[in-house]
PDB file of N, CA and C in Angstrom:
ATOM      1  N   MET A   1     -22.796 -10.538 -11.247  1.00  0.00           N
ATOM      2  CA  MET A   1     -21.487  -9.784 -11.490  1.00  0.00           C
ATOM      3  C   MET A   1     -20.597  -8.218 -11.657  1.00  0.00           C
ATOM      4  N   ALA A   2     -20.107  -7.912 -11.965  1.00  0.00           N
ATOM      5  CA  ALA A   2     -19.804  -6.228 -12.507  1.00  0.00           C
ATOM      6  C   ALA A   2     -18.491  -7.132 -13.239  1.00  0.00           C
ATOM      7  N   GLN A   3     -18.386  -6.204 -14.567  1.00  0.00           N
ATOM      8  CA  GLN A   3     -17.293  -6.863 -15.491  1.00  0.00           C
ATOM      9  C   GLN A   3     -16.387  -5.460 -15.461  1.00  0.00           C
ATOM     10  N   MET A   4     -15.112  -5.960 -15.665  1.00  0.00           N
ATOM     11  CA  MET A   4     -14.079  -4.758 -15.960  1.00  0.00           C
ATOM     12  C   MET A   4     -12.791  -4.948 -16.802  1.00  0.00           C
ATOM     13  N   ASN A   5     -12.764  -4.148 -17.957  1.00  0.00           N
ATOM     14  CA  ASN A   5     -11.658  -4.163 -18.814  1.00  0.00           C
ATOM     15  C   ASN A   5     -10.485  -3.890 -18.631  1.00  0.00           C
ATOM     16  N   ILE A   6      -9.397  -4.544 -18.767  1.00  0.00           N
ATOM     17  CA  ILE A   6      -8.064  -4.213 -18.432  1.00  0.00           C
ATOM     18  C   ILE A   6      -7.379  -4.170 -19.816  1.00  0.00           C
ATOM     19  N   SER A   7      -6.304  -3.541 -19.608  1.00  0.00           N
ATOM     20  CA  SER A   7      -5.642  -3.640 -20.724  1.00  0.00           C
ATOM     21  C   SER A   7      -3.789  -4.539 -20.344  1.00  0.00           C
ATOM     22  N   VAL A   8      -2.983  -4.904 -20.913  1.00  0.00           N
ATOM     23  CA  VAL A   8      -1.600  -5.269 -20.218  1.00  0.00           C
ATOM     24  C   VAL A   8      -1.278  -6.081 -21.340  1.00  0.00           C
ATOM     25  N   THR A   9      -0.005  -5.843 -21.473  1.00  0.00           N
ATOM     26  CA  THR A   9       0.926  -6.375 -21.948  1.00  0.00           C
ATOM     27  C   THR A   9       0.595  -7.903 -23.094  1.00  0.00           C
ATOM     28  N   ASP A  10       1.233  -7.465 -24.073  1.00  0.00           N
ATOM     29  CA  ASP A  10       1.117  -9.164 -24.907  1.00  0.00           C
ATOM     30  C   ASP A  10       1.889 -10.352 -23.846  1.00  0.00           C
ATOM     31  N   GLN A  11       3.030  -9.555 -22.779  1.00  0.00           N
ATOM     32  CA  GLN A  11       3.425 -10.769 -22.467  1.00  0.00           C
ATOM     33  C   GLN A  11       3.141 -10.897 -21.249  1.00  0.00           C
ATOM     34  N   LEU A  12       2.162  -9.804 -20.049  1.00  0.00           N
ATOM     35  CA  LEU A  12       1.301 -10.223 -19.189  1.00  0.00           C
ATOM     36  C   LEU A  12       0.267 -11.529 -19.737  1.00  0.00           C
ATOM     37  N   LYS A  13      -0.399 -10.486 -20.814  1.00  0.00           N
ATOM     38  CA  LYS A  13      -1.389 -11.934 -21.204  1.00  0.00           C
ATOM     39  C   LYS A  13      -0.289 -13.591 -21.428  1.00  0.00           C
ATOM     40  N   SER A  14       0.432 -12.810 -22.247  1.00  0.00           N
ATOM     41  CA  SER A  14       1.009 -14.709 -22.190  1.00  0.00           C
ATOM     42  C   SER A  14       0.977 -15.572 -21.064  1.00  0.00           C
ATOM     43  N   TRP A  15       1.667 -14.587 -20.039  1.00  0.00           N
ATOM     44  CA  TRP A  15       1.529 -15.051 -18.604  1.00  0.00           C
ATOM     45  C   TRP A  15       0.494 -15.721 -18.120  1.00  0.00           C
ATOM     46  N   ALA A  16      -0.591 -15.025 -17.704  1.00  0.00           N
ATOM     47  CA  ALA A  16      -2.045 -15.175 -17.113  1.00  0.00           C
ATOM     48  C   ALA A  16      -2.504 -16.392 -17.985  1.00  0.00           C
ATOM     49  N   GLU A  17      -2.142 -16.586 -19.269  1.00  0.00           N
ATOM     50  CA  GLU A  17      -2.794 -17.826 -20.036  1.00  0.00           C
ATOM     51  C   GLU A  17      -1.842 -19.287 -19.878  1.00  0.00           C
ATOM     52  N   SER A  18      -0.343 -19.128 -19.249  1.00  0.00           N
ATOM     53  CA  SER A  18       0.154 -20.351 -19.362  1.00  0.00           C
ATOM     54  C   SER A  18      -0.206 -20.275 -17.390  1.00  0.00           C
ATOM     55  N   ARG A  19      -0.729 -19.292 -16.840  1.00  0.00           N
ATOM     56  CA  ARG A  19      -0.895 -20.145 -15.453  1.00  0.00           C
ATOM     57  C   ARG A  19      -2.377 -20.391 -15.845  1.00  0.00           C
ATOM     58  N   VAL A  20      -3.423 -20.680 -16.788  1.00  0.00           N
ATOM     59  CA  VAL A  20      -4.446 -20.885 -16.629  1.00  0.00           C
ATOM     60  C   VAL A  20      -4.652 -22.121 -17.416  1.00  0.00           C
ATOM     61  N   ALA A  21      -3.579 -22.577 -17.933  1.00  0.00           N
ATOM     62  CA  ALA A  21      -3.114 -23.879 -19.186  1.00  0.00           C
ATOM     63  C   ALA A  21      -2.437 -24.514 -17.726  1.00  0.00           C
ATOM     64  N   GLU A  22      -2.049 -24.250 -16.899  1.00  0.00           N
ATOM     65  CA  GLU A  22      -1.696 -25.522 -15.829  1.00  0.00           C
ATOM     66  C   GLU A  22      -2.425 -25.970 -15.383  1.00  0.00           C
ATOM     67  N   GLY A  23      -3.605 -25.221 -15.608  1.00  0.00           N
ATOM     68  CA  GLY A  23      -4.714 -26.181 -14.362  1.00  0.00           C
ATOM     69  C   GLY A  23      -5.525 -25.402 -13.478  1.00  0.00           C
ATOM     70  N   ARG A  24      -4.477 -24.642 -12.555  1.00  0.00           N
ATOM     71  CA  ARG A  24      -4.785 -23.927 -11.435  1.00  0.00           C
ATOM     72  C   ARG A  24      -6.171 -23.277 -11.225  1.00  0.00           C
ATOM     73  N   TYR A  25      -5.962 -22.419 -12.887  1.00  0.00           N
ATOM     74  CA  TYR A  25      -7.603 -21.550 -12.835  1.00  0.00           C
ATOM     75  C   TYR A  25      -8.353 -22.018 -14.039  1.00  0.00           C
ATOM     76  N   SER A  26      -9.521 -22.111 -13.710  1.00  0.00           N
ATOM     77  CA  SER A  26     -10.354 -21.814 -15.237  1.00  0.00           C
ATOM     78  C   SER A  26     -10.106 -21.094 -16.283  1.00  0.00           C
ATOM     79  N   SER A  27      -9.933 -19.603 -16.297  1.00  0.00           N
ATOM     80  CA  SER A  27      -9.867 -18.576 -17.505  1.00  0.00           C
ATOM     81  C   SER A  27      -9.315 -17.580 -16.146  1.00  0.00           C
ATOM     82  N   THR A  28      -8.643 -16.889 -17.366  1.00  0.00           N
ATOM     83  CA  THR A  28      -7.726 -15.455 -17.328  1.00  0.00           C
ATOM     84  C   THR A  28      -9.006 -14.711 -16.003  1.00  0.00           C
ATOM     85  N   SER A  29     -10.228 -14.927 -16.103  1.00  0.00           N
ATOM     86  CA  SER A  29     -10.870 -13.933 -15.266  1.00  0.00           C
ATOM     87  C   SER A  29     -10.221 -14.454 -13.645  1.00  0.00           C
ATOM     88  N   ASP A  30     -10.783 -15.796 -13.719  1.00  0.00           N
ATOM     89  CA  ASP A  30     -10.791 -16.796 -12.906  1.00  0.00           C
ATOM     90  C   ASP A  30      -9.188 -16.431 -12.115  1.00  0.00           C
ATOM     91  N   TYR A  31      -7.971 -16.169 -12.880  1.00  0.00           N
ATOM     92  CA  TYR A  31      -7.001 -15.688 -12.313  1.00  0.00           C
ATOM     93  C   TYR A  31      -6.854 -14.543 -11.865  1.00  0.00           C
ATOM     94  N   VAL A  32      -6.942 -14.009 -12.903  1.00  0.00           N
ATOM     95  CA  VAL A  32      -7.179 -12.202 -12.265  1.00  0.00           C
ATOM     96  C   VAL A  32      -8.005 -11.967 -10.488  1.00  0.00           C
ATOM     97  N   ARG A  33      -9.384 -13.056 -10.929  1.00  0.00           N
ATOM     98  CA  ARG A  33      -9.801 -12.344  -9.258  1.00  0.00           C
ATOM     99  C   ARG A  33      -9.657 -13.269  -8.091  1.00  0.00           C
ATOM    100  N   ASP A  34      -8.775 -13.838  -8.834  1.00  0.00           N
ATOM    101  CA  ASP A  34      -7.288 -15.020  -7.358  1.00  0.00           C
ATOM    102  C   ASP A  34      -6.529 -13.572  -7.153  1.00  0.00           C
ATOM    103  N   LEU A  35      -5.761 -13.340  -7.780  1.00  0.00           N
ATOM    104  CA  LEU A  35      -4.673 -11.892  -7.392  1.00  0.00           C
ATOM    105  C   LEU A  35      -5.431 -11.042  -7.187  1.00  0.00           C
ATOM    106  N   LEU A  36      -6.869 -10.544  -7.049  1.00  0.00           N
ATOM    107  CA  LEU A  36      -7.659  -9.699  -6.305  1.00  0.00           C
ATOM    108  C   LEU A  36      -7.275  -9.848  -4.658  1.00  0.00           C
ATOM    109  N   ARG A  37      -8.163 -11.528  -4.730  1.00  0.00           N
ATOM    110  CA  ARG A  37      -8.265 -11.643  -2.969  1.00  0.00           C
ATOM    111  C   ARG A  37      -7.157 -11.936  -2.909  1.00  0.00           C
ATOM    112  N   ARG A  38      -6.193 -12.304  -3.305  1.00  0.00           N
ATOM    113  CA  ARG A  38      -4.680 -12.226  -2.424  1.00  0.00           C
ATOM    114  C   ARG A  38      -4.707 -10.740  -1.970  1.00  0.00           C
ATOM    115  N   ASP A  39      -4.408  -9.948  -3.005  1.00  0.00           N
ATOM    116  CA  ASP A  39      -4.373  -8.530  -2.346  1.00  0.00           C
ATOM    117  C   ASP A  39      -4.909  -8.188  -1.262  1.00  0.00           C
ATOM    118  N   GLN A  40      -6.380  -7.730  -1.222  1.00  0.00           N
ATOM    119  CA  GLN A  40      -7.618  -8.028  -0.449  1.00  0.00           C
ATOM    120  C   GLN A  40      -7.089  -8.497   1.087  1.00  0.00           C
ATOM    121  N   ASP A  41      -6.826  -9.704   0.905  1.00  0.00           N
ATOM    122  CA  ASP A  41      -5.983 -10.386   2.155  1.00  0.00           C
ATOM    123  C   ASP A  41      -4.715  -9.823   2.567  1.00  0.00           C
ATOM    124  N   GLU A  42      -3.561  -9.153   1.390  1.00  0.00           N
ATOM    125  CA  GLU A  42      -2.171  -8.562   2.216  1.00  0.00           C
ATOM    126  C   GLU A  42      -2.764  -8.032   2.711  1.00  0.00           C
ATOM    127  N   GLU A  43      -3.465  -6.887   2.115  1.00  0.00           N
ATOM    128  CA  GLU A  43      -3.854  -5.544   2.587  1.00  0.00           C
ATOM    129  C   GLU A  43      -4.496  -5.439   3.613  1.00  0.00           C
ATOM    130  N   ALA A  44      -5.436  -6.208   4.491  1.00  0.00           N
ATOM    131  CA  ALA A  44      -5.739  -6.451   5.776  1.00  0.00           C
ATOM    132  C   ALA A  44      -4.484  -6.800   6.465  1.00  0.00           C
ATOM    133  N   LYS A  45      -4.015  -7.074   6.135  1.00  0.00           N
ATOM    134  CA  LYS A  45      -2.700  -8.173   6.854  1.00  0.00           C
ATOM    135  C   LYS A  45      -1.818  -6.771   7.016  1.00  0.00           C
ATOM    136  N   ARG A  46      -1.609  -6.187   6.182  1.00  0.00           N
ATOM    137  CA  ARG A  46      -1.382  -4.917   6.467  1.00  0.00           C
ATOM    138  C   ARG A  46      -1.086  -4.075   7.538  1.00  0.00           C
ATOM    139  N   ARG A  47      -2.271  -3.732   7.288  1.00  0.00           N
ATOM    140  CA  ARG A  47      -2.992  -3.074   7.911  1.00  0.00           C
ATOM    141  C   ARG A  47      -3.338  -3.132   9.234  1.00  0.00           C
ATOM    142  N   ASN A  48      -3.478  -4.608   9.675  1.00  0.00           N
ATOM    143  CA  ASN A  48      -3.472  -4.718  11.504  1.00  0.00           C
ATOM    144  C   ASN A  48      -1.736  -5.163  11.552  1.00  0.00           C
ATOM    145  N   LEU A  49      -0.887  -5.093  11.254  1.00  0.00           N
ATOM    146  CA  LEU A  49       0.198  -5.296  10.939  1.00  0.00           C
ATOM    147  C   LEU A  49       0.532  -3.591  11.868  1.00  0.00           C
ATOM    148  N   MET A  50       0.095  -2.734  11.303  1.00  0.00           N
ATOM    149  CA  MET A  50       0.665  -1.434  11.267  1.00  0.00           C
ATOM    150  C   MET A  50       0.083  -0.449  12.365  1.00  0.00           C
ATOM    151  N   ALA A  51      -1.633  -1.356  13.218  1.00  0.00           N
ATOM    152  CA  ALA A  51      -2.369  -1.291  14.178  1.00  0.00           C
ATOM    153  C   ALA A  51      -1.595  -1.585  15.431  1.00  0.00           C
ATOM    154  N   GLU A  52      -0.994  -2.712  15.379  1.00  0.00           N
ATOM    155  CA  GLU A  52      -0.589  -3.126  16.171  1.00  0.00           C
ATOM    156  C   GLU A  52       0.802  -2.450  16.511  1.00  0.00           C
ATOM    157  N   ILE A  53       1.086  -2.146  15.434  1.00  0.00           N
ATOM    158  CA  ILE A  53       2.585  -1.479  15.409  1.00  0.00           C
ATOM    159  C   ILE A  53       2.376   0.318  16.013  1.00  0.00           C
ATOM    160  N   ALA A  54       1.740   0.620  16.290  1.00  0.00           N
ATOM    161  CA  ALA A  54       0.640   2.062  16.615  1.00  0.00           C
ATOM    162  C   ALA A  54       0.950   1.465  18.100  1.00  0.00           C
ATOM    163  N   ILE A  55       0.335   0.461  18.494  1.00  0.00           N
ATOM    164  CA  ILE A  55      -0.386   0.132  19.859  1.00  0.00           C
ATOM    165  C   ILE A  55       0.779   0.174  20.815  1.00  0.00           C
ATOM    166  N   GLY A  56       1.783  -0.931  19.944  1.00  0.00           N
ATOM    167  CA  GLY A  56       3.180  -0.921  20.527  1.00  0.00           C
ATOM    168  C   GLY A  56       3.857   0.340  20.673  1.00  0.00           C
ATOM    169  N   LEU A  57       3.949   1.109  19.525  1.00  0.00           N
ATOM    170  CA  LEU A  57       4.846   2.450  20.036  1.00  0.00           C
ATOM    171  C   LEU A  57       3.964   3.429  20.463  1.00  0.00           C
ATOM    172  N   ALA A  58       2.421   2.946  21.426  1.00  0.00           N
ATOM    173  CA  ALA A  58       2.234   4.160  22.404  1.00  0.00           C
ATOM    174  C   ALA A  58       2.148   3.932  23.397  1.00  0.00           C
ATOM    175  N   SER A  59       2.385   2.336  23.938  1.00  0.00           N
ATOM    176  CA  SER A  59       2.899   1.585  25.022  1.00  0.00           C
ATOM    177  C   SER A  59       3.518   2.049  25.423  1.00  0.00           C
ATOM    178  N   PRO A  60       4.030   2.212  27.157  1.00  0.00           N
ATOM    179  CA  PRO A  60       4.808   3.116  27.874  1.00  0.00           C
ATOM    180  C   PRO A  60       6.174   2.162  27.868  1.00  0.00           C
ATOM    181  N   ILE A  61       7.421   2.236  28.025  1.00  0.00           N
ATOM    182  CA  ILE A  61       8.746   1.978  27.946  1.00  0.00           C
ATOM    183  C   ILE A  61       8.106   1.293  29.285  1.00  0.00           C
ATOM    184  N   SER A  62       9.203   0.241  29.338  1.00  0.00           N
ATOM    185  CA  SER A  62       9.354  -1.037  29.934  1.00  0.00           C
ATOM    186  C   SER A  62      10.931  -1.240  30.381  1.00  0.00           C
ATOM    187  N   ASN A  63      11.304  -1.298  31.532  1.00  0.00           N
ATOM    188  CA  ASN A  63      12.567  -1.596  31.957  1.00  0.00           C
ATOM    189  C   ASN A  63      12.985  -3.411  31.995  1.00  0.00           C
ATOM    190  N   GLU A  64      12.482  -4.037  31.263  1.00  0.00           N
ATOM    191  CA  GLU A  64      12.472  -5.097  31.018  1.00  0.00           C
ATOM    192  C   GLU A  64      13.210  -5.219  30.104  1.00  0.00           C
ATOM    193  N   THR A  65      14.360  -6.570  30.487  1.00  0.00           N
ATOM    194  CA  THR A  65      14.992  -6.737  28.835  1.00  0.00           C
ATOM    195  C   THR A  65      14.397  -7.817  28.456  1.00  0.00           C
ATOM    196  N   ALA A  66      14.757  -8.369  26.755  1.00  0.00           N
ATOM    197  CA  ALA A  66      14.533  -8.904  26.124  1.00  0.00           C
ATOM    198  C   ALA A  66      14.700 -10.044  26.377  1.00  0.00           C
ATOM    199  N   ASP A  67      15.598 -10.565  27.794  1.00  0.00           N
ATOM    200  CA  ASP A  67      15.855 -12.120  28.421  1.00  0.00           C
ATOM    201  C   ASP A  67      14.137 -12.060  29.076  1.00  0.00           C
ATOM    202  N   ASP A  68      14.200 -10.757  29.911  1.00  0.00           N
ATOM    203  CA  ASP A  68      12.925 -11.116  30.999  1.00  0.00           C
ATOM    204  C   ASP A  68      11.948 -11.419  30.424  1.00  0.00           C
ATOM    205  N   VAL A  69      11.606 -10.289  29.116  1.00  0.00           N
ATOM    206  CA  VAL A  69      10.258 -10.715  28.850  1.00  0.00           C
ATOM    207  C   VAL A  69      10.047 -12.360  28.123  1.00  0.00           C
ATOM    208  N   PHE A  70      11.561 -12.688  27.450  1.00  0.00           N
ATOM    209  CA  PHE A  70      11.402 -14.429  26.768  1.00  0.00           C
ATOM    210  C   PHE A  70      10.920 -14.965  28.078  1.00  0.00           C
ATOM    211  N   GLU A  71      11.869 -14.456  29.510  1.00  0.00           N
ATOM    212  CA  GLU A  71      11.321 -16.106  30.373  1.00  0.00           C
ATOM    213  C   GLU A  71       9.919 -15.475  31.123  1.00  0.00           C
ATOM    214  N   ARG A  72       9.413 -14.368  31.002  1.00  0.00           N
ATOM    215  CA  ARG A  72       8.267 -14.352  31.365  1.00  0.00           C
ATOM    216  C   ARG A  72       7.119 -15.648  30.851  1.00  0.00           C
ATOM    217  N   VAL A  73       7.469 -15.080  29.746  1.00  0.00           N
ATOM    218  CA  VAL A  73       6.591 -15.963  28.477  1.00  0.00           C
ATOM    219  C   VAL A  73       6.929 -16.955  28.403  1.00  0.00           C
ATOM    220  N   GLN A  74       7.742 -17.795  28.615  1.00  0.00           N
ATOM    221  CA  GLN A  74       8.321 -19.102  28.382  1.00  0.00           C
ATOM    222  C   GLN A  74       7.747 -20.407  29.893  1.00  0.00           C
ATOM    223  N   ALA A  75       7.485 -19.179  30.527  1.00  0.00           N
ATOM    224  CA  ALA A  75       7.299 -19.777  32.758  1.00  0.00           C
ATOM    225  C   ALA A  75       5.824 -19.444  31.882  1.00  0.00           C
ATOM    226  N   ARG A  76       5.244 -18.474  31.578  1.00  0.00           N
ATOM    227  CA  ARG A  76       3.247 -18.872  31.650  1.00  0.00           C
ATOM    228  C   ARG A  76       3.187 -19.240  30.356  1.00  0.00           C
ATOM    229  N   HIS A  77       3.635 -20.727  29.269  1.00  0.00           N
ATOM    230  CA  HIS A  77       3.480 -21.213  28.586  1.00  0.00           C
ATOM    231  C   HIS A  77       3.796 -22.480  29.221  1.00  0.00           C
ATOM    232  N   GLN A  78       4.268 -23.050  29.738  1.00  0.00           N
ATOM    233  CA  GLN A  78       5.032 -23.912  30.423  1.00  0.00           C
ATOM    234  C   GLN A  78       4.288 -24.216  32.119  1.00  0.00           C
ATOM    235  N   GLY A  79       3.242 -23.326  33.074  1.00  0.00           N
ATOM    236  CA  GLY A  79       2.725 -23.114  33.797  1.00  0.00           C
ATOM    237  C   GLY A  79       1.616 -23.706  33.265  1.00  0.00           C
TER     238      GLY A  79
END
């Protein structure tokens, strides 16, 4: 496992230590690893959303109203 040293304010250090004291994390390193994993997950979600937005923006304009689309989706899921 790689090692990384970081500098944080006393307030952030206290916060991390309080999270460990709550029992959810075994150490401040465990806490930071969890934060990094969550950040990775959020970035993956953001990239996926941006890709879907790009697909939507590249799609042709429809003459359907929002009600038309809603009714079509409802019919597909009911039948």
